[in-house]
C-alpha atoms as a PDB file:
ATOM      1  CA  MET A   1       6.808  -0.063  23.905  1.00  0.00           C
ATOM      2  CA  ALA A   2       3.377  -1.099  22.692  1.00  0.00           C
ATOM      3  CA  SER A   3       3.360  -2.933  19.401  1.00  0.00           C
ATOM      4  CA  ASP A   4       1.789  -1.442  16.269  1.00  0.00           C
ATOM      5  CA  LYS A   5      -0.997  -4.016  16.612  1.00  0.00           C
ATOM      6  CA  GLU A   6      -1.701  -3.027  20.223  1.00  0.00           C
ATOM      7  CA  GLN A   7      -1.805   0.663  19.341  1.00  0.00           C
ATOM      8  CA  ALA A   8      -4.164  -0.039  16.426  1.00  0.00           C
ATOM      9  CA  GLU A   9      -6.396  -2.009  18.812  1.00  0.00           C
ATOM     10  CA  ILE A  10      -6.574   0.993  21.163  1.00  0.00           C
ATOM     11  CA  ILE A  11      -7.650   3.267  18.309  1.00  0.00           C
ATOM     12  CA  ASP A  12     -10.185   0.671  17.135  1.00  0.00           C
ATOM     13  CA  TYR A  13     -11.574   0.475  20.668  1.00  0.00           C
ATOM     14  CA  LEU A  14     -11.915   4.269  20.901  1.00  0.00           C
ATOM     15  CA  ASN A  15     -13.597   4.439  17.494  1.00  0.00           C
ATOM     16  CA  ASN A  16     -15.972   1.514  17.898  1.00  0.00           C
ATOM     17  CA  ASP A  17     -16.502   0.463  21.503  1.00  0.00           C
ATOM     18  CA  TYR A  18     -15.606   3.240  23.947  1.00  0.00           C
ATOM     19  CA  SER A  19     -18.664   5.372  23.281  1.00  0.00           C
ATOM     20  CA  ASP A  20     -21.912   4.893  21.400  1.00  0.00           C
ATOM     21  CA  ASP A  21     -21.958   8.641  20.811  1.00  0.00           C
ATOM     22  CA  ASN A  22     -20.864   9.638  17.293  1.00  0.00           C
ATOM     23  CA  GLU A  23     -19.963  13.096  18.582  1.00  0.00           C
ATOM     24  CA  PHE A  24     -17.085  11.505  20.520  1.00  0.00           C
ATOM     25  CA  THR A  25     -15.654   9.471  17.655  1.00  0.00           C
ATOM     26  CA  GLU A  26     -16.042  12.322  15.157  1.00  0.00           C
ATOM     27  CA  GLN A  27     -13.723  14.458  17.289  1.00  0.00           C
ATOM     28  CA  LEU A  28     -10.908  11.899  17.486  1.00  0.00           C
ATOM     29  CA  PRO A  29      -8.043  13.219  15.389  1.00  0.00           C
ATOM     30  CA  ALA A  30      -7.289  11.228  12.235  1.00  0.00           C
ATOM     31  CA  SER A  31      -3.630  11.325  13.265  1.00  0.00           C
ATOM     32  CA  LEU A  32      -4.239   9.727  16.686  1.00  0.00           C
ATOM     33  CA  LEU A  33      -2.517   6.432  15.846  1.00  0.00           C
ATOM     34  CA  GLN A  34       0.527   8.311  14.573  1.00  0.00           C
ATOM     35  CA  ASP A  35       0.418  10.666  17.571  1.00  0.00           C
ATOM     36  CA  ILE A  36       0.561   7.847  20.132  1.00  0.00           C
ATOM     37  CA  SER A  37       3.120   5.706  18.307  1.00  0.00           C
ATOM     38  CA  PRO A  38       6.225   7.151  20.079  1.00  0.00           C
ATOM     39  CA  TYR A  39       4.841   6.350  23.543  1.00  0.00           C
ATOM     40  CA  ASN A  40       4.754   3.141  25.542  1.00  0.00           C
ATOM     41  CA  SER A  41       1.593   4.079  27.422  1.00  0.00           C
ATOM     42  CA  ILE A  42      -1.410   6.358  27.197  1.00  0.00           C
ATOM     43  CA  ILE A  43      -3.858   7.589  29.790  1.00  0.00           C
ATOM     44  CA  LEU A  44      -7.463   8.287  28.877  1.00  0.00           C
ATOM     45  CA  LEU A  45      -9.089  10.799  31.215  1.00  0.00           C
ATOM     46  CA  TYR A  46     -12.754  11.562  31.267  1.00  0.00           C
ATOM     47  CA  GLY A  47     -15.000  13.408  33.610  1.00  0.00           C
ATOM     48  CA  ASN A  48     -18.652  13.798  34.422  1.00  0.00           C
ATOM     49  CA  LYS A  49     -20.907  15.271  37.042  1.00  0.00           C
ATOM     50  CA  SER A  50     -20.553  13.619  40.393  1.00  0.00           C
ATOM     51  CA  ILE A  51     -21.573  14.145  43.978  1.00  0.00           C
ATOM     52  CA  TYR A  52     -18.316  16.110  44.293  1.00  0.00           C
ATOM     53  CA  GLY A  53     -19.196  18.592  41.551  1.00  0.00           C
ATOM     54  CA  SER A  54     -18.500  18.881  37.878  1.00  0.00           C
ATOM     55  CA  ILE A  55     -15.399  16.805  37.154  1.00  0.00           C
ATOM     56  CA  ASN A  56     -15.531  17.914  33.506  1.00  0.00           C
ATOM     57  CA  GLU A  57     -15.153  21.565  34.418  1.00  0.00           C
ATOM     58  CA  GLU A  58     -12.147  20.754  36.615  1.00  0.00           C
ATOM     59  CA  LEU A  59     -10.471  18.798  33.793  1.00  0.00           C
ATOM     60  CA  PHE A  60     -11.106  21.644  31.329  1.00  0.00           C
ATOM     61  CA  ARG A  61      -9.683  24.162  33.811  1.00  0.00           C
ATOM     62  CA  MET A  62      -6.578  22.021  34.305  1.00  0.00           C
ATOM     63  CA  LYS A  63      -6.118  21.687  30.544  1.00  0.00           C
ATOM     64  CA  LYS A  64      -6.252  25.470  30.104  1.00  0.00           C
ATOM     65  CA  ASN A  65      -3.960  26.266  33.030  1.00  0.00           C
ATOM     66  CA  LEU A  66      -1.435  23.438  32.829  1.00  0.00           C
ATOM     67  CA  SER A  67       1.656  24.106  30.793  1.00  0.00           C
ATOM     68  CA  LEU A  68       2.488  20.607  29.566  1.00  0.00           C
ATOM     69  CA  GLU A  69       5.732  21.885  28.076  1.00  0.00           C
ATOM     70  CA  SER A  70       7.099  22.024  31.623  1.00  0.00           C
ATOM     71  CA  TYR A  71       6.689  18.235  31.857  1.00  0.00           C
ATOM     72  CA  SER A  72       9.069  16.675  29.364  1.00  0.00           C
ATOM     73  CA  ASP A  73       7.557  13.191  29.834  1.00  0.00           C
ATOM     74  CA  VAL A  74       3.911  14.266  29.484  1.00  0.00           C
ATOM     75  CA  ARG A  75       2.165  15.000  26.172  1.00  0.00           C
ATOM     76  CA  LEU A  76      -1.457  15.809  25.467  1.00  0.00           C
ATOM     77  CA  VAL A  77      -2.145  14.212  22.094  1.00  0.00           C
ATOM     78  CA  ALA A  78      -5.903  14.730  21.852  1.00  0.00           C
ATOM     79  CA  SER A  79      -8.806  16.403  23.590  1.00  0.00           C
ATOM     80  CA  VAL A  80     -12.456  15.583  22.914  1.00  0.00           C
ATOM     81  CA  VAL A  81     -15.280  17.615  24.413  1.00  0.00           C
ATOM     82  CA  TYR A  82     -18.792  16.251  24.193  1.00  0.00           C
ATOM     83  CA  GLU A  83     -21.868  15.826  26.341  1.00  0.00           C
ATOM     84  CA  THR A  84     -24.093  12.791  26.617  1.00  0.00           C
END
Protein backbone atom coordinates (compact mmCIF):
# COMPACT_ATOMS: atom_id res chain seq x y z
CA MET A 1 0.00 0.00 0.00
CA ALA A 2 1.29 3.46 -0.84
CA SER A 3 2.18 5.57 2.16
CA ASP A 4 0.24 8.72 3.05
CA LYS A 5 3.28 10.73 1.94
CA GLU A 6 3.40 9.01 -1.45
CA GLN A 7 -0.31 9.56 -2.02
CA ALA A 8 0.03 13.24 -1.07
CA GLU A 9 2.92 13.53 -3.54
CA ILE A 10 0.71 12.13 -6.33
CA ILE A 11 -1.99 14.71 -5.58
CA ASP A 12 0.63 17.48 -5.42
CA TYR A 13 1.97 16.36 -8.79
CA LEU A 14 -1.50 16.39 -10.36
CA ASN A 15 -2.24 19.83 -8.91
CA ASN A 16 1.07 21.50 -9.71
CA ASP A 17 3.09 19.68 -12.35
CA TYR A 18 0.93 17.39 -14.49
CA SER A 19 -0.72 20.15 -16.50
CA ASP A 20 -0.16 23.87 -16.91
CA ASP A 21 -3.86 24.19 -17.68
CA ASN A 22 -5.91 25.52 -14.75
CA GLU A 23 -9.03 23.93 -16.25
CA PHE A 24 -7.53 20.51 -15.45
CA THR A 25 -6.60 21.23 -11.84
CA GLU A 26 -9.88 23.03 -11.13
CA GLN A 27 -11.78 19.84 -11.99
CA LEU A 28 -9.81 17.58 -9.64
CA PRO A 29 -12.12 16.63 -6.80
CA ALA A 30 -11.18 18.05 -3.40
CA SER A 31 -11.67 14.55 -1.99
CA LEU A 32 -9.16 12.92 -4.38
CA LEU A 33 -6.56 12.17 -1.69
CA GLN A 34 -9.22 10.55 0.48
CA ASP A 35 -10.66 8.71 -2.54
CA ILE A 36 -7.35 7.06 -3.45
CA SER A 37 -6.25 6.25 0.10
CA PRO A 38 -7.73 2.69 0.20
CA TYR A 39 -5.82 1.62 -2.93
CA ASN A 40 -2.25 0.51 -3.44
CA SER A 41 -2.08 1.78 -7.02
CA ILE A 42 -3.76 4.22 -9.36
CA ILE A 43 -3.81 4.48 -13.13
CA LEU A 44 -4.06 7.85 -14.83
CA LEU A 45 -5.55 7.60 -18.32
CA TYR A 46 -5.59 10.41 -20.79
CA GLY A 47 -6.34 10.66 -24.44
CA ASN A 48 -5.84 12.99 -27.35
CA LYS A 49 -6.15 13.08 -31.09
CA SER A 50 -3.78 10.75 -32.83
CA ILE A 51 -3.17 9.29 -36.25
CA TYR A 52 -5.54 6.51 -35.15
CA GLY A 53 -8.45 8.86 -34.44
CA SER A 54 -9.79 10.61 -31.40
CA ILE A 55 -8.57 8.68 -28.36
CA ASN A 56 -10.54 11.04 -26.10
CA GLU A 57 -13.84 10.10 -27.70
CA GLU A 58 -13.05 6.40 -27.26
CA LEU A 59 -12.22 6.90 -23.56
CA PHE A 60 -15.45 8.87 -23.02
CA ARG A 61 -17.45 6.15 -24.79
CA MET A 62 -15.85 3.47 -22.62
CA LYS A 63 -16.59 5.47 -19.47
CA LYS A 64 -20.27 5.77 -20.42
CA ASN A 65 -20.68 2.13 -21.45
CA LEU A 66 -18.51 0.35 -18.90
CA SER A 67 -20.23 -0.81 -15.76
CA LEU A 68 -17.37 -0.61 -13.26
CA GLU A 69 -19.56 -2.24 -10.62
CA SER A 70 -19.02 -5.53 -12.46
CA TYR A 71 -15.29 -5.27 -11.68
CA SER A 72 -14.88 -5.54 -7.93
CA ASP A 73 -11.18 -4.58 -8.09
CA VAL A 74 -11.63 -1.54 -10.35
CA ARG A 75 -12.87 1.88 -9.19
CA LEU A 76 -13.17 5.13 -11.09
CA VAL A 77 -12.40 7.81 -8.52
CA ALA A 78 -12.27 10.88 -10.75
CA SER A 79 -12.89 12.03 -14.30
CA VAL A 80 -11.62 15.31 -15.73
CA VAL A 81 -12.65 16.54 -19.16
CA TYR A 82 -10.78 19.44 -20.67
CA GLU A 83 -9.27 20.51 -23.96
CA THR A 84 -5.91 22.14 -24.54
